[in-house]
Amino acid sequence: ESTVMAEVAGVLEDVGARPRWLSRSSIAVLSDPEVRIEAFIIDDGEPAHLRISTVLATSVTSSPELRRCMDGLASAGMGLSVWIEDDRVVAATDLTTDRLADLPGRLESFHRKVEGLDILVTDMAGAVQTELFSTAEGPAHA
């Protein structure tokens, strides 16, 4: 995983992004919104998966209205997964490392897709709009 993440960091640095190491398998990208990229090796011989994610809201309480909103986002063909973890709403998209050259474009697309979703989710959930996540915390991944 650390070798994969070193390649990820290199691709990000090549396009002027500012990656910050969180662990051997996780990097935060300082941007607005800040995102986390984590590597998952599913099977030897297969490309690793990269999960690009951000926290949309904190202090969330699940409700039927919020669940319908999240289901709608997931089924809208935007390529996003959205879920509640602990008291946070997390949005993510995945990329395999055999498409690592696509990472800068995928990050740009991810930013466009999640722009404004924090406000929508906060309104639906009566949640706290957040600075997406601080240095000390970030979205955990299922």
C-alpha atoms as a PDB file:
ATOM      1  CA  GLU A   1       0.000   0.000   0.000  1.00  0.00           C
ATOM      2  CA  SER A   2       2.778   2.469   0.814  1.00  0.00           C
ATOM      3  CA  THR A   3       4.346   1.972  -2.638  1.00  0.00           C
ATOM      4  CA  VAL A   4       0.978   2.678  -4.255  1.00  0.00           C
ATOM      5  CA  MET A   5       0.511   5.774  -2.121  1.00  0.00           C
ATOM      6  CA  ALA A   6       4.010   7.027  -3.007  1.00  0.00           C
ATOM      7  CA  GLU A   7       2.942   6.851  -6.670  1.00  0.00           C
ATOM      8  CA  VAL A   8      -0.300   8.687  -5.800  1.00  0.00           C
ATOM      9  CA  ALA A   9       1.659  11.417  -3.999  1.00  0.00           C
ATOM     10  CA  GLY A  10       3.947  11.779  -7.012  1.00  0.00           C
ATOM     11  CA  VAL A  11       1.020  12.175  -9.428  1.00  0.00           C
ATOM     12  CA  LEU A  12      -0.541  14.775  -7.147  1.00  0.00           C
ATOM     13  CA  GLU A  13       2.694  16.724  -6.739  1.00  0.00           C
ATOM     14  CA  ASP A  14       3.233  16.679 -10.520  1.00  0.00           C
ATOM     15  CA  VAL A  15      -0.004  18.649 -10.978  1.00  0.00           C
ATOM     16  CA  GLY A  16       0.716  21.072  -8.128  1.00  0.00           C
ATOM     17  CA  ALA A  17      -1.517  19.465  -5.499  1.00  0.00           C
ATOM     18  CA  ARG A  18      -0.388  19.450  -1.882  1.00  0.00           C
ATOM     19  CA  PRO A  19      -0.638  15.906  -0.513  1.00  0.00           C
ATOM     20  CA  ARG A  20      -0.186  15.359   3.229  1.00  0.00           C
ATOM     21  CA  TRP A  21       0.574  11.850   4.502  1.00  0.00           C
ATOM     22  CA  LEU A  22      -1.857  10.584   7.158  1.00  0.00           C
ATOM     23  CA  SER A  23      -0.639   6.972   7.267  1.00  0.00           C
ATOM     24  CA  ARG A  24       1.104   4.415   5.038  1.00  0.00           C
ATOM     25  CA  SER A  25      -2.112   3.961   3.086  1.00  0.00           C
ATOM     26  CA  SER A  26      -3.740   7.385   3.353  1.00  0.00           C
ATOM     27  CA  ILE A  27      -3.087  10.897   2.035  1.00  0.00           C
ATOM     28  CA  ALA A  28      -5.064  14.101   2.539  1.00  0.00           C
ATOM     29  CA  VAL A  29      -5.182  16.513  -0.372  1.00  0.00           C
ATOM     30  CA  LEU A  30      -5.265  20.107   0.793  1.00  0.00           C
ATOM     31  CA  SER A  31      -8.027  21.592  -1.308  1.00  0.00           C
ATOM     32  CA  ASP A  32     -11.544  22.901  -0.919  1.00  0.00           C
ATOM     33  CA  PRO A  33     -13.059  20.585   0.043  1.00  0.00           C
ATOM     34  CA  GLU A  34     -10.167  18.680   1.544  1.00  0.00           C
ATOM     35  CA  VAL A  35     -10.258  15.056   0.479  1.00  0.00           C
ATOM     36  CA  ARG A  36      -8.678  11.851   1.674  1.00  0.00           C
ATOM     37  CA  ILE A  37      -7.275   9.216  -0.659  1.00  0.00           C
ATOM     38  CA  GLU A  38      -6.789   5.712   0.714  1.00  0.00           C
ATOM     39  CA  ALA A  39      -5.406   2.600  -0.956  1.00  0.00           C
ATOM     40  CA  PHE A  40      -7.026  -0.811  -0.657  1.00  0.00           C
ATOM     41  CA  ILE A  41      -5.357  -3.902  -2.064  1.00  0.00           C
ATOM     42  CA  ILE A  42      -8.164  -6.325  -2.782  1.00  0.00           C
ATOM     43  CA  ASP A  43      -6.289  -9.260  -4.332  1.00  0.00           C
ATOM     44  CA  ASP A  44      -2.689  -9.894  -5.323  1.00  0.00           C
ATOM     45  CA  GLY A  45      -2.294  -9.421  -9.039  1.00  0.00           C
ATOM     46  CA  GLU A  46      -5.224  -6.994  -9.252  1.00  0.00           C
ATOM     47  CA  PRO A  47      -4.826  -3.214  -9.319  1.00  0.00           C
ATOM     48  CA  ALA A  48      -5.228  -1.551  -5.931  1.00  0.00           C
ATOM     49  CA  HIS A  49      -8.326   0.540  -5.362  1.00  0.00           C
ATOM     50  CA  LEU A  50      -8.113   4.169  -4.358  1.00  0.00           C
ATOM     51  CA  ARG A  51     -10.998   5.655  -2.399  1.00  0.00           C
ATOM     52  CA  ILE A  52     -11.370   9.427  -2.731  1.00  0.00           C
ATOM     53  CA  SER A  53     -13.618  10.778   0.032  1.00  0.00           C
ATOM     54  CA  THR A  54     -14.713  13.766   2.044  1.00  0.00           C
ATOM     55  CA  VAL A  55     -17.013  14.450   4.982  1.00  0.00           C
ATOM     56  CA  LEU A  56     -20.070  16.459   3.969  1.00  0.00           C
ATOM     57  CA  ALA A  57     -21.584  17.039   7.424  1.00  0.00           C
ATOM     58  CA  THR A  58     -21.065  16.123  11.057  1.00  0.00           C
ATOM     59  CA  SER A  59     -23.422  15.688  14.008  1.00  0.00           C
ATOM     60  CA  VAL A  60     -25.889  13.946  11.702  1.00  0.00           C
ATOM     61  CA  THR A  61     -28.907  12.047  12.871  1.00  0.00           C
ATOM     62  CA  SER A  62     -30.270   9.582  10.362  1.00  0.00           C
ATOM     63  CA  SER A  63     -33.800  10.272   9.150  1.00  0.00           C
ATOM     64  CA  PRO A  64     -35.984   8.936   6.334  1.00  0.00           C
ATOM     65  CA  GLU A  65     -35.593  12.257   4.493  1.00  0.00           C
ATOM     66  CA  LEU A  66     -31.781  12.119   4.727  1.00  0.00           C
ATOM     67  CA  ARG A  67     -31.730   8.452   3.655  1.00  0.00           C
ATOM     68  CA  ARG A  68     -33.885   9.267   0.597  1.00  0.00           C
ATOM     69  CA  CYS A  69     -31.529  12.135  -0.279  1.00  0.00           C
ATOM     70  CA  MET A  70     -28.473   9.866   0.041  1.00  0.00           C
ATOM     71  CA  ASP A  71     -30.152   7.092  -1.996  1.00  0.00           C
ATOM     72  CA  GLY A  72     -30.986   9.657  -4.680  1.00  0.00           C
ATOM     73  CA  LEU A  73     -27.383  10.848  -4.827  1.00  0.00           C
ATOM     74  CA  ALA A  74     -26.098   7.283  -5.076  1.00  0.00           C
ATOM     75  CA  SER A  75     -28.519   6.382  -7.871  1.00  0.00           C
ATOM     76  CA  ALA A  76     -28.159   9.632  -9.854  1.00  0.00           C
ATOM     77  CA  GLY A  77     -25.338   8.247 -11.989  1.00  0.00           C
ATOM     78  CA  MET A  78     -22.802  10.666 -10.511  1.00  0.00           C
ATOM     79  CA  GLY A  79     -20.388   7.894  -9.528  1.00  0.00           C
ATOM     80  CA  LEU A  80     -20.645   8.780  -5.835  1.00  0.00           C
ATOM     81  CA  SER A  81     -21.210   6.589  -2.829  1.00  0.00           C
ATOM     82  CA  VAL A  82     -22.765   8.398   0.128  1.00  0.00           C
ATOM     83  CA  TRP A  83     -23.226   6.931   3.604  1.00  0.00           C
ATOM     84  CA  ILE A  84     -23.553   7.778   7.278  1.00  0.00           C
ATOM     85  CA  GLU A  85     -20.670   6.702   9.459  1.00  0.00           C
ATOM     86  CA  ASP A  86     -20.896   7.439  13.152  1.00  0.00           C
ATOM     87  CA  ASP A  87     -22.428  10.924  13.046  1.00  0.00           C
ATOM     88  CA  ARG A  88     -20.932  11.998   9.702  1.00  0.00           C
ATOM     89  CA  VAL A  89     -22.120  11.908   6.113  1.00  0.00           C
ATOM     90  CA  VAL A  90     -19.302  10.753   3.845  1.00  0.00           C
ATOM     91  CA  ALA A  91     -19.163  10.984   0.035  1.00  0.00           C
ATOM     92  CA  ALA A  92     -16.669   8.941  -1.976  1.00  0.00           C
ATOM     93  CA  THR A  93     -15.681   7.690  -5.385  1.00  0.00           C
ATOM     94  CA  ASP A  94     -13.226   4.937  -6.316  1.00  0.00           C
ATOM     95  CA  LEU A  95     -10.459   4.594  -8.870  1.00  0.00           C
ATOM     96  CA  THR A  96      -8.194   1.638  -9.621  1.00  0.00           C
ATOM     97  CA  THR A  97      -4.453   2.222  -9.743  1.00  0.00           C
ATOM     98  CA  ASP A  98      -4.238   0.984 -13.320  1.00  0.00           C
ATOM     99  CA  ARG A  99      -5.945   4.334 -14.083  1.00  0.00           C
ATOM    100  CA  LEU A 100      -3.655   6.385 -11.838  1.00  0.00           C
ATOM    101  CA  ALA A 101      -2.993   8.888 -14.636  1.00  0.00           C
ATOM    102  CA  ASP A 102      -6.710   9.792 -14.391  1.00  0.00           C
ATOM    103  CA  LEU A 103      -6.388  10.795 -10.709  1.00  0.00           C
ATOM    104  CA  PRO A 104      -6.073  14.590 -11.229  1.00  0.00           C
ATOM    105  CA  GLY A 105      -9.161  14.625 -13.455  1.00  0.00           C
ATOM    106  CA  ARG A 106     -11.059  12.358 -11.066  1.00  0.00           C
ATOM    107  CA  LEU A 107     -10.244  14.696  -8.173  1.00  0.00           C
ATOM    108  CA  GLU A 108     -11.491  17.697 -10.147  1.00  0.00           C
ATOM    109  CA  SER A 109     -14.670  15.822 -11.057  1.00  0.00           C
ATOM    110  CA  PHE A 110     -15.160  14.745  -7.426  1.00  0.00           C
ATOM    111  CA  HIS A 111     -14.864  18.353  -6.261  1.00  0.00           C
ATOM    112  CA  ARG A 112     -17.507  19.449  -8.790  1.00  0.00           C
ATOM    113  CA  LYS A 113     -19.858  16.639  -7.755  1.00  0.00           C
ATOM    114  CA  VAL A 114     -19.667  17.314  -4.009  1.00  0.00           C
ATOM    115  CA  GLU A 115     -19.812  21.104  -4.322  1.00  0.00           C
ATOM    116  CA  GLY A 116     -22.941  22.238  -2.507  1.00  0.00           C
ATOM    117  CA  LEU A 117     -23.822  18.758  -1.253  1.00  0.00           C
ATOM    118  CA  ASP A 118     -22.620  19.728   2.220  1.00  0.00           C
ATOM    119  CA  ILE A 119     -25.327  22.417   2.352  1.00  0.00           C
ATOM    120  CA  LEU A 120     -28.003  20.045   1.018  1.00  0.00           C
ATOM    121  CA  VAL A 121     -27.088  17.296   3.478  1.00  0.00           C
ATOM    122  CA  THR A 122     -26.842  19.742   6.379  1.00  0.00           C
ATOM    123  CA  ASP A 123     -30.315  21.085   5.610  1.00  0.00           C
ATOM    124  CA  MET A 124     -31.777  17.581   5.301  1.00  0.00           C
ATOM    125  CA  ALA A 125     -30.196  16.289   8.491  1.00  0.00           C
ATOM    126  CA  GLY A 126     -30.287  19.330  10.721  1.00  0.00           C
ATOM    127  CA  ALA A 127     -26.551  18.721  10.949  1.00  0.00           C
ATOM    128  CA  VAL A 128     -23.492  20.837  11.478  1.00  0.00           C
ATOM    129  CA  GLN A 129     -21.876  22.080   8.301  1.00  0.00           C
ATOM    130  CA  THR A 130     -18.225  21.282   8.656  1.00  0.00           C
ATOM    131  CA  GLU A 131     -14.841  22.275   7.324  1.00  0.00           C
ATOM    132  CA  LEU A 132     -14.946  18.832   5.780  1.00  0.00           C
ATOM    133  CA  PHE A 133     -12.280  17.399   8.052  1.00  0.00           C
ATOM    134  CA  SER A 134      -9.395  18.532  10.145  1.00  0.00           C
ATOM    135  CA  THR A 135      -5.846  17.237  10.269  1.00  0.00           C
ATOM    136  CA  ALA A 136      -6.665  15.011  13.233  1.00  0.00           C
ATOM    137  CA  GLU A 137      -9.704  13.306  11.774  1.00  0.00           C
ATOM    138  CA  GLY A 138     -11.185  12.252   8.512  1.00  0.00           C
ATOM    139  CA  PRO A 139     -13.701   9.901   7.062  1.00  0.00           C
ATOM    140  CA  ALA A 140     -13.240   6.315   7.901  1.00  0.00           C
ATOM    141  CA  HIS A 141     -14.129   3.966   5.124  1.00  0.00           C
ATOM    142  CA  ALA A 142     -16.342   0.969   4.979  1.00  0.00           C
END
